[in-house]
Each structure stands twice: as C-alpha cells, then as structure tokens.
Amino acid sequence: MIASTSVASPNVRSEKERHVREFAQRKRQQALDLADYVERHPESLQTAAEHVDRFLASPAHVRIHWVLNQWRSVLSSASSLQVADILRGDSPDTESLRDSPPYFGPRDR
C-alpha cells in the first residue's frame, strides 16, 4: 500500500505562489490608481466620508468598524494629497487603510 501525502507538488506550490503574487500586484495597482483618482478629485474625500458613515451605521459592517473609524479620522483631517500618500505608501501602520479604502474606486467617475 502506498502512503498518501498532503504535501503539494512543486508545480501546485509554484502555481499558488504565482496567484498570490498576481493578486498582490493587482491590489497594489488598484491602490495606486485610487491614489491618482483622489489627487485628481479632491471632492471625493467627501464621498468617501459619506461611505464611512453609512458603513458605520450598518450592522453588516460591524467587523470592520475599527478600520472605518481610522478612515473617519483620516478623512476628517487629511488633504487629498495626504490620503493619496497613504494609498501609495507601504507602511505597515497604514496597511489596513490601504486594504479597506472607503471608495468604490475610480470606476465611479
């Protein structure tokens, strides 16, 4: 009898690693595109603040209230250039903000 193993083959692992890299690259590009959008449309900060308030009022978003409250703080005091810098940055301190931007994105233009 041949014992089975749960170790993924090198091909499966490399494929999974490729997907993870591609996902990270897409996410990074989306953040950069959003930063450009925020710079071109400073009025979008108001829309983002409205999204945050609506999400905070919704019980469906209770699990992410902590990051929404962070965004509320940023949006109440930051300029569009500062928000764009957060979105372009790579600081671990602002990673949760980049992962959960309160915008529906540039496609809302």
Protein backbone atom coordinates (compact mmCIF):
# COMPACT_ATOMS: atom_id res chain seq x y z
CA MET A 1 0.00 0.00 0.00
CA ILE A 2 1.34 3.43 -0.93
CA ALA A 3 1.07 6.10 1.73
CA SER A 4 -0.51 9.32 0.56
CA THR A 5 0.95 12.67 1.46
CA SER A 6 -0.68 16.04 1.78
CA VAL A 7 2.39 17.90 0.55
CA ALA A 8 1.63 19.83 -2.60
CA SER A 9 3.77 19.13 -5.61
CA PRO A 10 6.28 21.81 -6.65
CA ASN A 11 4.05 22.69 -9.63
CA VAL A 12 0.99 23.23 -7.42
CA ARG A 13 3.01 25.32 -4.98
CA SER A 14 4.53 27.47 -7.72
CA GLU A 15 1.09 28.00 -9.27
CA LYS A 16 -0.33 29.05 -5.91
CA GLU A 17 2.62 31.38 -5.32
CA ARG A 18 2.08 32.90 -8.79
CA HIS A 19 -1.59 33.54 -7.98
CA VAL A 20 -0.67 35.15 -4.66
CA ARG A 21 1.89 37.41 -6.40
CA GLU A 22 -0.61 38.38 -9.10
CA PHE A 23 -3.26 39.18 -6.50
CA ALA A 24 -0.80 41.37 -4.57
CA GLN A 25 0.20 43.15 -7.78
CA ARG A 26 -3.45 43.81 -8.72
CA LYS A 27 -4.21 45.07 -5.22
CA ARG A 28 -1.17 47.36 -5.33
CA GLN A 29 -2.14 48.72 -8.75
CA GLN A 30 -5.69 49.38 -7.56
CA ALA A 31 -4.33 51.38 -4.61
CA LEU A 32 -2.08 53.39 -6.95
CA ASP A 33 -4.97 54.05 -9.35
CA LEU A 34 -7.15 55.12 -6.45
CA ALA A 35 -4.42 57.47 -5.19
CA ASP A 36 -4.28 59.11 -8.62
CA TYR A 37 -8.06 59.43 -8.61
CA VAL A 38 -8.09 61.06 -5.15
CA GLU A 39 -5.48 63.59 -6.26
CA ARG A 40 -7.46 64.48 -9.39
CA HIS A 41 -10.77 64.56 -7.50
CA PRO A 42 -10.24 66.05 -4.02
CA GLU A 43 -14.01 66.30 -3.66
CA SER A 44 -14.02 62.50 -3.49
CA LEU A 45 -12.96 62.80 0.17
CA GLN A 46 -16.49 63.92 0.97
CA THR A 47 -17.95 60.93 -0.85
CA ALA A 48 -15.56 58.62 1.00
CA ALA A 49 -16.58 60.17 4.34
CA GLU A 50 -20.24 59.57 3.46
CA HIS A 51 -19.45 55.92 2.65
CA VAL A 52 -17.68 55.56 6.00
CA ASP A 53 -20.64 57.00 7.89
CA ARG A 54 -23.07 54.74 6.02
CA PHE A 55 -20.91 51.66 6.63
CA LEU A 56 -20.54 52.52 10.33
CA ALA A 57 -24.32 52.75 10.64
CA SER A 58 -24.76 49.31 9.08
CA PRO A 59 -24.67 46.20 11.27
CA ALA A 60 -23.34 44.33 8.22
CA HIS A 61 -20.00 46.12 8.59
CA VAL A 62 -19.52 45.71 12.35
CA ARG A 63 -16.41 43.53 11.88
CA ILE A 64 -14.57 46.38 10.14
CA HIS A 65 -15.67 49.28 12.35
CA TRP A 66 -12.11 49.68 13.65
CA VAL A 67 -10.73 50.44 10.17
CA LEU A 68 -13.75 52.55 9.29
CA ASN A 69 -13.11 54.64 12.38
CA GLN A 70 -9.48 55.01 11.26
CA TRP A 71 -10.70 56.23 7.88
CA ARG A 72 -13.15 58.60 9.54
CA SER A 73 -10.26 60.14 11.47
CA VAL A 74 -8.06 60.42 8.37
CA LEU A 75 -10.80 61.88 6.19
CA SER A 76 -11.73 64.49 8.80
CA SER A 77 -8.20 65.88 8.95
CA ALA A 78 -6.22 64.92 5.84
CA SER A 79 -5.92 66.58 2.47
CA SER A 80 -6.43 64.65 -0.74
CA LEU A 81 -2.64 64.59 -1.18
CA GLN A 82 -2.21 63.03 2.26
CA VAL A 83 -4.86 60.40 1.51
CA ALA A 84 -3.13 59.66 -1.81
CA ASP A 85 0.16 59.24 0.07
CA ILE A 86 -1.49 56.70 2.39
CA LEU A 87 -2.78 54.77 -0.61
CA ARG A 88 0.62 54.84 -2.32
CA GLY A 89 2.59 54.03 0.80
CA ASP A 90 3.91 50.74 2.01
CA SER A 91 3.95 51.38 5.73
CA PRO A 92 2.64 48.51 7.85
CA ASP A 93 0.93 51.15 10.00
CA THR A 94 -1.41 52.10 7.17
CA GLU A 95 -1.78 48.69 5.52
CA SER A 96 -5.28 48.19 6.92
CA LEU A 97 -6.32 51.53 5.44
CA ARG A 98 -4.98 50.54 2.01
CA ASP A 99 -6.72 47.18 2.26
CA SER A 100 -10.11 48.78 3.02
CA PRO A 101 -10.42 52.11 1.23
CA PRO A 102 -13.85 53.74 1.66
CA TYR A 103 -14.23 54.32 -2.06
CA PHE A 104 -15.95 52.36 -4.71
CA GLY A 105 -12.96 53.34 -6.81
CA PRO A 106 -12.16 55.25 -9.96
CA ARG A 107 -14.87 53.45 -11.86
CA ASP A 108 -17.38 55.69 -10.02
CA ARG A 109 -16.16 58.66 -12.03
